[in-house]
């Protein structure tokens, strides 16, 4: 799995709650954060991407900690 593959799997879940524009902002913020780490292998970068999505204040604010924990676990299983 790579970042683009993860994005395609996770994006519909986020869009159903946040809409297209906000989802794109959330996904792009995570991708920028991961892009700055050129040393990490792809698996590590994917984990960081997922963790960044799950820790985004908008995501936590909308879903709450319990739902975010469940989504984080689900998303990590994509790896």
C-alpha atoms as a PDB file:
ATOM      1  CA  UNK A   1       0.000   0.000   0.000  1.00  0.00           C
ATOM      2  CA  UNK A   2       1.167   3.515  -0.735  1.00  0.00           C
ATOM      3  CA  UNK A   3      -0.087   6.982   0.199  1.00  0.00           C
ATOM      4  CA  UNK A   4      -2.247   7.329  -2.915  1.00  0.00           C
ATOM      5  CA  UNK A   5      -3.851   3.935  -2.286  1.00  0.00           C
ATOM      6  CA  UNK A   6      -4.590   4.881   1.308  1.00  0.00           C
ATOM      7  CA  UNK A   7      -6.061   8.181   0.184  1.00  0.00           C
ATOM      8  CA  UNK A   8      -8.484   6.412  -2.152  1.00  0.00           C
ATOM      9  CA  UNK A   9      -9.635   4.071   0.626  1.00  0.00           C
ATOM     10  CA  UNK A  10      -9.987   6.718   3.346  1.00  0.00           C
ATOM     11  CA  UNK A  11     -11.286   9.655   1.293  1.00  0.00           C
ATOM     12  CA  UNK A  12     -14.907   8.406   0.967  1.00  0.00           C
ATOM     13  CA  UNK A  13     -15.201   8.033   4.752  1.00  0.00           C
ATOM     14  CA  UNK A  14     -14.011  11.581   5.302  1.00  0.00           C
ATOM     15  CA  UNK A  15     -16.110  13.017   2.470  1.00  0.00           C
ATOM     16  CA  UNK A  16     -19.292  11.553   3.912  1.00  0.00           C
ATOM     17  CA  UNK A  17     -18.736  13.643   7.050  1.00  0.00           C
ATOM     18  CA  UNK A  18     -16.735  16.684   5.944  1.00  0.00           C
ATOM     19  CA  UNK A  19     -17.647  17.146   2.303  1.00  0.00           C
ATOM     20  CA  UNK A  20     -15.216  17.353  -0.589  1.00  0.00           C
ATOM     21  CA  UNK A  21     -13.447  20.646   0.127  1.00  0.00           C
ATOM     22  CA  UNK A  22     -12.720  20.023   3.807  1.00  0.00           C
ATOM     23  CA  UNK A  23     -11.682  16.441   3.081  1.00  0.00           C
ATOM     24  CA  UNK A  24      -9.167  17.654   0.522  1.00  0.00           C
ATOM     25  CA  UNK A  25      -7.710  20.084   3.072  1.00  0.00           C
ATOM     26  CA  UNK A  26      -7.367  17.312   5.663  1.00  0.00           C
ATOM     27  CA  UNK A  27      -5.787  14.886   3.177  1.00  0.00           C
ATOM     28  CA  UNK A  28      -3.410  17.498   1.777  1.00  0.00           C
ATOM     29  CA  UNK A  29      -2.235  18.528   5.237  1.00  0.00           C
ATOM     30  CA  UNK A  30      -1.365  14.912   5.998  1.00  0.00           C
ATOM     31  CA  UNK A  31       0.356  14.418   2.647  1.00  0.00           C
ATOM     32  CA  UNK A  32       2.478  17.547   3.101  1.00  0.00           C
ATOM     33  CA  UNK A  33       3.583  16.341   6.512  1.00  0.00           C
ATOM     34  CA  UNK A  34       4.568  12.949   5.116  1.00  0.00           C
ATOM     35  CA  UNK A  35       6.262  14.439   2.044  1.00  0.00           C
ATOM     36  CA  UNK A  36       8.731  16.275   4.225  1.00  0.00           C
ATOM     37  CA  UNK A  37      10.169  12.956   5.466  1.00  0.00           C
ATOM     38  CA  UNK A  38      12.294  11.729   2.576  1.00  0.00           C
ATOM     39  CA  UNK A  39      14.248   9.247   4.726  1.00  0.00           C
ATOM     40  CA  UNK A  40      11.428   6.979   5.923  1.00  0.00           C
ATOM     41  CA  UNK A  41      10.413   3.890   3.977  1.00  0.00           C
ATOM     42  CA  UNK A  42       6.960   3.733   2.363  1.00  0.00           C
ATOM     43  CA  UNK A  43       5.404   1.697   5.184  1.00  0.00           C
ATOM     44  CA  UNK A  44       6.535   4.228   7.792  1.00  0.00           C
ATOM     45  CA  UNK A  45       5.313   7.099   5.650  1.00  0.00           C
ATOM     46  CA  UNK A  46       1.905   5.418   5.312  1.00  0.00           C
ATOM     47  CA  UNK A  47       1.657   4.945   9.091  1.00  0.00           C
ATOM     48  CA  UNK A  48       2.550   8.601   9.600  1.00  0.00           C
ATOM     49  CA  UNK A  49      -0.075   9.626   7.036  1.00  0.00           C
ATOM     50  CA  UNK A  50      -2.787   7.672   8.844  1.00  0.00           C
ATOM     51  CA  UNK A  51      -1.700   8.995  12.234  1.00  0.00           C
ATOM     52  CA  UNK A  52      -1.777  12.547  10.909  1.00  0.00           C
ATOM     53  CA  UNK A  53      -5.316  12.079   9.584  1.00  0.00           C
ATOM     54  CA  UNK A  54      -6.477  10.609  12.881  1.00  0.00           C
ATOM     55  CA  UNK A  55      -4.922  13.416  14.906  1.00  0.00           C
ATOM     56  CA  UNK A  56      -6.302  16.263  12.781  1.00  0.00           C
ATOM     57  CA  UNK A  57      -8.263  18.531  15.111  1.00  0.00           C
ATOM     58  CA  UNK A  58     -11.216  18.660  12.715  1.00  0.00           C
ATOM     59  CA  UNK A  59     -11.444  14.867  12.612  1.00  0.00           C
ATOM     60  CA  UNK A  60     -11.144  14.504  16.379  1.00  0.00           C
ATOM     61  CA  UNK A  61     -13.626  17.317  16.913  1.00  0.00           C
ATOM     62  CA  UNK A  62     -16.224  15.732  14.650  1.00  0.00           C
ATOM     63  CA  UNK A  63     -15.796  12.063  15.572  1.00  0.00           C
ATOM     64  CA  UNK A  64     -14.465  12.199  19.122  1.00  0.00           C
ATOM     65  CA  UNK A  65     -11.618  10.144  20.536  1.00  0.00           C
ATOM     66  CA  UNK A  66     -13.401   6.779  20.578  1.00  0.00           C
ATOM     67  CA  UNK A  67     -14.491   6.917  16.930  1.00  0.00           C
ATOM     68  CA  UNK A  68     -11.054   8.187  15.875  1.00  0.00           C
ATOM     69  CA  UNK A  69      -9.439   5.270  17.688  1.00  0.00           C
ATOM     70  CA  UNK A  70     -11.713   2.841  15.821  1.00  0.00           C
ATOM     71  CA  UNK A  71     -10.989   4.499  12.463  1.00  0.00           C
ATOM     72  CA  UNK A  72      -7.252   4.560  13.173  1.00  0.00           C
ATOM     73  CA  UNK A  73      -7.315   0.830  13.818  1.00  0.00           C
ATOM     74  CA  UNK A  74      -9.336   0.210  10.653  1.00  0.00           C
ATOM     75  CA  UNK A  75      -7.038   2.371   8.541  1.00  0.00           C
ATOM     76  CA  UNK A  76      -3.907   0.711   9.926  1.00  0.00           C
ATOM     77  CA  UNK A  77      -5.329  -2.615   8.768  1.00  0.00           C
ATOM     78  CA  UNK A  78      -5.111  -1.325   5.188  1.00  0.00           C
ATOM     79  CA  UNK A  79      -1.353  -1.641   5.542  1.00  0.00           C
END
